[in-house]
Amino acid sequence: MTDNKFPSEVIDLPSGGELYPKEHPLSSGKVEIKYMTAKEEDILTSQNLIKKGLVVDKLLDSLILTEGVKSDDLILGDKNAVMVAARILAYGPEYTCQVTHPTTGGVSTQIFNLAECPFKKLPKDITENSFEVTLPISKRKIKFSLLTGKDERLIDEELNASKKIGAVSPELTTRLRYLIKEVDGDNTQSVINEISQNILSRDSMFLREEIKKVSPDIIMEQEIEIGGETVKVNIPMTVGFFWPNSWG
């Protein structure tokens, strides 16, 4: 455990560390984070960071104590788990927010227990961040890797640049460019760009489902009582997630 003057906790990662190189600190499947302080609350309210979309990254970088680890290094599902753990350490597991009934559309205020959100773990036979599938329609063999915090940041930068020039937001094709590493054994960027733009819709849907199957994460959904019945809902990530007692 890192020597520091603030209390800290070592938390588990949904991936179990299997998706990182053996020499990387995250290959242990754990990361140490400190409890949030007023310094981190300053980060959360920084209008400059909010406008740039960097608040969560800067927050996690300030909280992570494990040497050699940044939010950029984390597989997205692991990053989500660290974010939830940071929130629990800062303000406790209770999270109050408004939710919408999935069928009636009615809105109500609910209290979720974030500590009860389970992990979606890796399938047991996966030992690296490299996956291969054959697309059902085109029969092309695709090798892909799960996105990291760094990938997500670069994708957001590209999408924001597209918005500034008034272009249609190419979110799906941009994500595919970062996910896909090889096409039929060819890893040249031009080939990856081509399939990202022109992949058949049925192949695209299949690929996205395969990515979802192997992606570790924290499951942000729980059952609640609403409108006289029990329903399962996604836990919305509102402004109050990291700032539950804001004022002004």
Protein backbone atom coordinates (compact mmCIF):
# COMPACT_ATOMS: atom_id res chain seq x y z
CA MET A 1 0.00 0.00 0.00
CA THR A 2 1.28 3.47 -0.89
CA ASP A 3 2.44 5.66 2.01
CA ASN A 4 0.21 8.74 2.19
CA LYS A 5 -1.48 10.93 4.73
CA PHE A 6 -5.00 10.16 3.54
CA PRO A 7 -7.02 6.97 4.16
CA SER A 8 -7.22 4.69 1.15
CA GLU A 9 -8.69 1.38 0.00
CA VAL A 10 -7.50 -1.32 -2.39
CA ILE A 11 -10.39 -2.23 -4.70
CA ASP A 12 -10.94 -5.14 -7.05
CA LEU A 13 -11.32 -4.69 -10.81
CA PRO A 14 -14.02 -6.49 -12.85
CA SER A 15 -11.38 -7.69 -15.32
CA GLY A 16 -9.37 -9.36 -12.56
CA GLY A 17 -6.33 -7.80 -14.20
CA GLU A 18 -6.37 -10.34 -17.05
CA LEU A 19 -6.50 -7.71 -19.83
CA TYR A 20 -3.28 -5.94 -18.90
CA PRO A 21 0.33 -6.86 -19.72
CA LYS A 22 1.86 -9.06 -17.02
CA GLU A 23 4.35 -6.33 -16.09
CA HIS A 24 1.65 -3.67 -15.65
CA PRO A 25 0.55 -2.81 -12.07
CA LEU A 26 -3.09 -3.41 -13.01
CA SER A 27 -2.36 -7.07 -13.86
CA SER A 28 -2.82 -7.71 -10.11
CA GLY A 29 -6.54 -7.10 -10.60
CA LYS A 30 -6.53 -4.42 -7.93
CA VAL A 31 -5.94 -0.68 -7.64
CA GLU A 32 -5.46 1.55 -4.60
CA ILE A 33 -7.44 4.78 -4.38
CA LYS A 34 -7.62 7.39 -1.64
CA TYR A 35 -10.69 8.95 -0.09
CA MET A 36 -11.82 12.15 -1.77
CA THR A 37 -10.85 15.52 -0.23
CA ALA A 38 -11.72 19.16 -0.87
CA LYS A 39 -8.97 19.16 -3.51
CA GLU A 40 -10.93 16.62 -5.57
CA GLU A 41 -14.16 18.54 -5.02
CA ASP A 42 -12.42 21.52 -6.63
CA ILE A 43 -11.74 19.30 -9.65
CA LEU A 44 -15.42 18.31 -9.82
CA THR A 45 -16.54 21.95 -9.96
CA SER A 46 -13.88 23.17 -12.41
CA GLN A 47 -15.85 24.73 -15.27
CA ASN A 48 -12.82 24.45 -17.52
CA LEU A 49 -12.55 20.70 -16.98
CA ILE A 50 -16.32 20.28 -17.32
CA LYS A 51 -16.30 22.05 -20.71
CA LYS A 52 -13.41 19.89 -21.90
CA GLY A 53 -15.06 16.70 -20.66
CA LEU A 54 -12.04 15.85 -18.51
CA VAL A 55 -13.57 15.97 -15.03
CA VAL A 56 -13.75 12.22 -14.37
CA ASP A 57 -10.26 11.57 -15.80
CA LYS A 58 -8.66 14.29 -13.67
CA LEU A 59 -10.60 13.16 -10.62
CA LEU A 60 -9.50 9.54 -10.93
CA ASP A 61 -5.89 10.53 -11.64
CA SER A 62 -5.94 12.50 -8.39
CA LEU A 63 -7.41 9.58 -6.43
CA ILE A 64 -5.40 6.63 -7.81
CA LEU A 65 -2.42 5.84 -5.59
CA THR A 66 -1.08 2.73 -7.32
CA GLU A 67 2.25 3.76 -8.79
CA GLY A 68 2.38 3.84 -12.58
CA VAL A 69 -1.41 3.83 -13.07
CA LYS A 70 -3.52 6.55 -14.70
CA SER A 71 -7.18 6.60 -15.71
CA ASP A 72 -5.98 6.32 -19.33
CA ASP A 73 -4.66 2.82 -18.57
CA LEU A 74 -7.94 1.38 -17.32
CA ILE A 75 -10.17 -0.77 -19.50
CA LEU A 76 -13.51 1.08 -19.59
CA GLY A 77 -15.36 -1.42 -17.40
CA ASP A 78 -12.60 -1.24 -14.81
CA LYS A 79 -12.68 2.54 -15.01
CA ASN A 80 -16.43 2.50 -14.31
CA ALA A 81 -15.84 0.31 -11.24
CA VAL A 82 -13.14 2.63 -9.92
CA MET A 83 -15.44 5.60 -10.44
CA VAL A 84 -18.23 3.95 -8.43
CA ALA A 85 -15.79 2.94 -5.67
CA ALA A 86 -14.48 6.52 -5.51
CA ARG A 87 -18.03 7.81 -5.10
CA ILE A 88 -18.78 5.31 -2.34
CA LEU A 89 -15.62 6.26 -0.44
CA ALA A 90 -16.43 9.96 -0.81
CA TYR A 91 -20.14 10.09 0.03
CA GLY A 92 -21.24 6.59 1.01
CA PRO A 93 -23.15 3.96 -1.01
CA GLU A 94 -26.56 5.67 -0.97
CA TYR A 95 -27.29 7.51 -4.21
CA THR A 96 -30.55 9.45 -4.59
CA CYS A 97 -31.81 10.41 -8.03
CA GLN A 98 -34.90 10.55 -10.19
CA VAL A 99 -35.77 7.60 -12.41
CA THR A 100 -38.37 7.04 -15.10
CA HIS A 101 -40.62 3.98 -15.10
CA PRO A 102 -39.57 1.87 -18.13
CA THR A 103 -43.15 1.32 -19.35
CA THR A 104 -45.42 4.04 -17.92
CA GLY A 105 -42.95 6.93 -18.10
CA GLY A 106 -43.74 8.01 -14.55
CA VAL A 107 -40.92 9.78 -12.69
CA SER A 108 -40.06 9.17 -9.04
CA THR A 109 -37.17 9.75 -6.63
CA GLN A 110 -35.33 6.58 -5.66
CA ILE A 111 -32.42 5.66 -3.40
CA PHE A 112 -29.91 3.15 -4.79
CA ASN A 113 -27.25 1.26 -2.87
CA LEU A 114 -24.15 1.48 -5.07
CA ALA A 115 -22.37 -1.11 -2.92
CA GLU A 116 -24.84 -3.70 -4.21
CA CYS A 117 -23.89 -3.22 -7.87
CA PRO A 118 -22.23 -6.51 -8.93
CA PHE A 119 -19.36 -7.00 -11.36
CA LYS A 120 -19.77 -8.48 -14.81
CA LYS A 121 -16.55 -10.46 -14.95
CA LEU A 122 -14.51 -11.81 -17.83
CA PRO A 123 -15.26 -15.27 -19.21
CA LYS A 124 -12.82 -17.68 -17.55
CA ASP A 125 -10.81 -18.56 -20.67
CA ILE A 126 -9.79 -14.94 -21.48
CA THR A 127 -6.23 -13.96 -20.58
CA GLU A 128 -5.44 -10.97 -22.80
CA ASN A 129 -7.03 -7.93 -24.42
CA SER A 130 -7.22 -9.48 -27.87
CA PHE A 131 -10.30 -11.16 -29.32
CA GLU A 132 -11.08 -12.70 -32.71
CA VAL A 133 -14.45 -13.28 -34.35
CA THR A 134 -15.70 -14.18 -37.83
CA LEU A 135 -18.46 -11.88 -39.08
CA PRO A 136 -21.58 -13.91 -39.99
CA ILE A 137 -22.41 -12.24 -43.32
CA SER A 138 -19.14 -11.10 -44.90
CA LYS A 139 -17.15 -13.93 -43.23
CA ARG A 140 -14.27 -11.55 -42.55
CA LYS A 141 -12.10 -12.33 -39.54
CA ILE A 142 -11.89 -9.43 -37.10
CA LYS A 143 -9.41 -9.04 -34.28
CA PHE A 144 -10.40 -6.42 -31.71
CA SER A 145 -9.37 -5.10 -28.30
CA LEU A 146 -11.51 -3.51 -25.60
CA LEU A 147 -11.24 0.25 -25.26
CA THR A 148 -9.20 1.94 -22.53
CA GLY A 149 -9.68 5.30 -20.87
CA LYS A 150 -7.15 6.76 -23.32
CA ASP A 151 -9.10 5.40 -26.30
CA GLU A 152 -12.32 6.88 -24.94
CA ARG A 153 -10.68 10.28 -24.47
CA LEU A 154 -9.33 10.30 -28.03
CA ILE A 155 -12.73 9.23 -29.40
CA ASP A 156 -14.44 12.06 -27.50
CA GLU A 157 -11.91 14.54 -28.93
CA GLU A 158 -12.64 13.37 -32.47
CA LEU A 159 -16.40 13.49 -31.98
CA ASN A 160 -16.25 16.97 -30.45
CA ALA A 161 -14.20 18.15 -33.43
CA SER A 162 -16.89 16.77 -35.77
CA LYS A 163 -19.59 18.66 -33.86
CA LYS A 164 -17.71 21.94 -34.22
CA ILE A 165 -17.78 21.71 -38.02
CA GLY A 166 -21.44 20.69 -38.04
CA ALA A 167 -20.82 17.20 -39.35
CA VAL A 168 -22.96 14.17 -38.55
CA SER A 169 -21.49 12.62 -35.39
CA PRO A 170 -19.65 9.46 -36.58
CA GLU A 171 -19.78 7.79 -33.17
CA LEU A 172 -20.15 4.17 -34.27
CA THR A 173 -17.56 4.26 -37.04
CA THR A 174 -15.08 6.13 -34.84
CA ARG A 175 -15.43 3.56 -32.07
CA LEU A 176 -14.97 0.72 -34.53
CA ARG A 177 -11.72 2.30 -35.76
CA TYR A 178 -10.34 2.18 -32.24
CA LEU A 179 -11.73 -1.28 -31.42
CA ILE A 180 -10.66 -3.15 -34.56
CA LYS A 181 -6.98 -4.14 -34.73
CA GLU A 182 -6.91 -6.53 -37.70
CA VAL A 183 -9.09 -7.53 -40.65
CA ASP A 184 -8.28 -10.94 -42.15
CA GLY A 185 -4.80 -10.65 -40.65
CA ASP A 186 -4.20 -7.16 -42.07
CA ASN A 187 -3.56 -4.43 -39.49
CA THR A 188 -3.00 -1.48 -41.83
CA GLN A 189 -5.03 1.57 -40.86
CA SER A 190 -6.53 1.98 -44.34
CA VAL A 191 -8.08 -1.50 -44.17
CA ILE A 192 -9.39 -0.88 -40.63
CA ASN A 193 -10.84 2.48 -41.74
CA GLU A 194 -12.54 0.85 -44.72
CA ILE A 195 -14.36 -1.84 -42.74
CA SER A 196 -15.26 0.63 -39.97
CA GLN A 197 -17.06 2.77 -42.57
CA ASN A 198 -18.57 -0.01 -44.68
CA ILE A 199 -19.27 -2.92 -42.34
CA LEU A 200 -22.68 -4.46 -43.04
CA SER A 201 -25.31 -3.61 -40.42
CA ARG A 202 -25.87 -7.25 -39.45
CA ASP A 203 -22.13 -7.78 -39.09
CA SER A 204 -21.87 -4.58 -37.05
CA MET A 205 -24.64 -5.71 -34.71
CA PHE A 206 -22.97 -9.11 -34.30
CA LEU A 207 -19.60 -7.52 -33.55
CA ARG A 208 -21.09 -5.17 -30.96
CA GLU A 209 -22.82 -8.10 -29.25
CA GLU A 210 -19.54 -10.05 -29.15
CA ILE A 211 -17.78 -7.02 -27.65
CA LYS A 212 -20.50 -6.74 -25.00
CA LYS A 213 -20.16 -10.44 -24.11
CA VAL A 214 -16.45 -10.20 -23.28
CA SER A 215 -16.44 -6.72 -21.70
CA PRO A 216 -15.96 -6.68 -17.90
CA ASP A 217 -17.87 -3.94 -16.10
CA ILE A 218 -19.86 -2.96 -13.06
CA ILE A 219 -23.60 -3.55 -13.56
CA MET A 220 -25.40 -0.27 -12.94
CA GLU A 221 -28.94 -1.56 -12.60
CA GLN A 222 -31.14 -2.54 -9.68
CA GLU A 223 -34.72 -3.51 -8.88
CA ILE A 224 -36.91 -0.82 -7.34
CA GLU A 225 -40.51 -0.38 -6.26
CA ILE A 226 -42.21 2.15 -8.51
CA GLY A 227 -45.84 2.65 -9.48
CA GLY A 228 -46.93 -0.26 -7.31
CA GLU A 229 -44.68 -2.81 -8.99
CA THR A 230 -41.11 -4.07 -8.91
CA VAL A 231 -39.06 -3.21 -11.99
CA LYS A 232 -35.39 -3.33 -12.93
CA VAL A 233 -33.95 0.01 -14.04
CA ASN A 234 -30.61 1.41 -15.07
CA ILE A 235 -29.06 3.67 -12.43
CA PRO A 236 -28.80 7.10 -14.09
CA MET A 237 -25.49 8.95 -13.72
CA THR A 238 -26.72 12.45 -12.89
CA VAL A 239 -24.81 15.52 -11.68
CA GLY A 240 -25.60 14.39 -8.13
CA PHE A 241 -23.55 11.20 -8.55
CA PHE A 242 -20.34 12.96 -7.53
CA TRP A 243 -21.88 16.05 -5.98
CA PRO A 244 -24.89 14.88 -3.93
CA ASN A 245 -25.02 17.85 -1.56
CA SER A 246 -24.26 20.70 -3.94
CA TRP A 247 -25.53 24.16 -3.17
CA GLY A 248 -26.21 27.38 -5.02
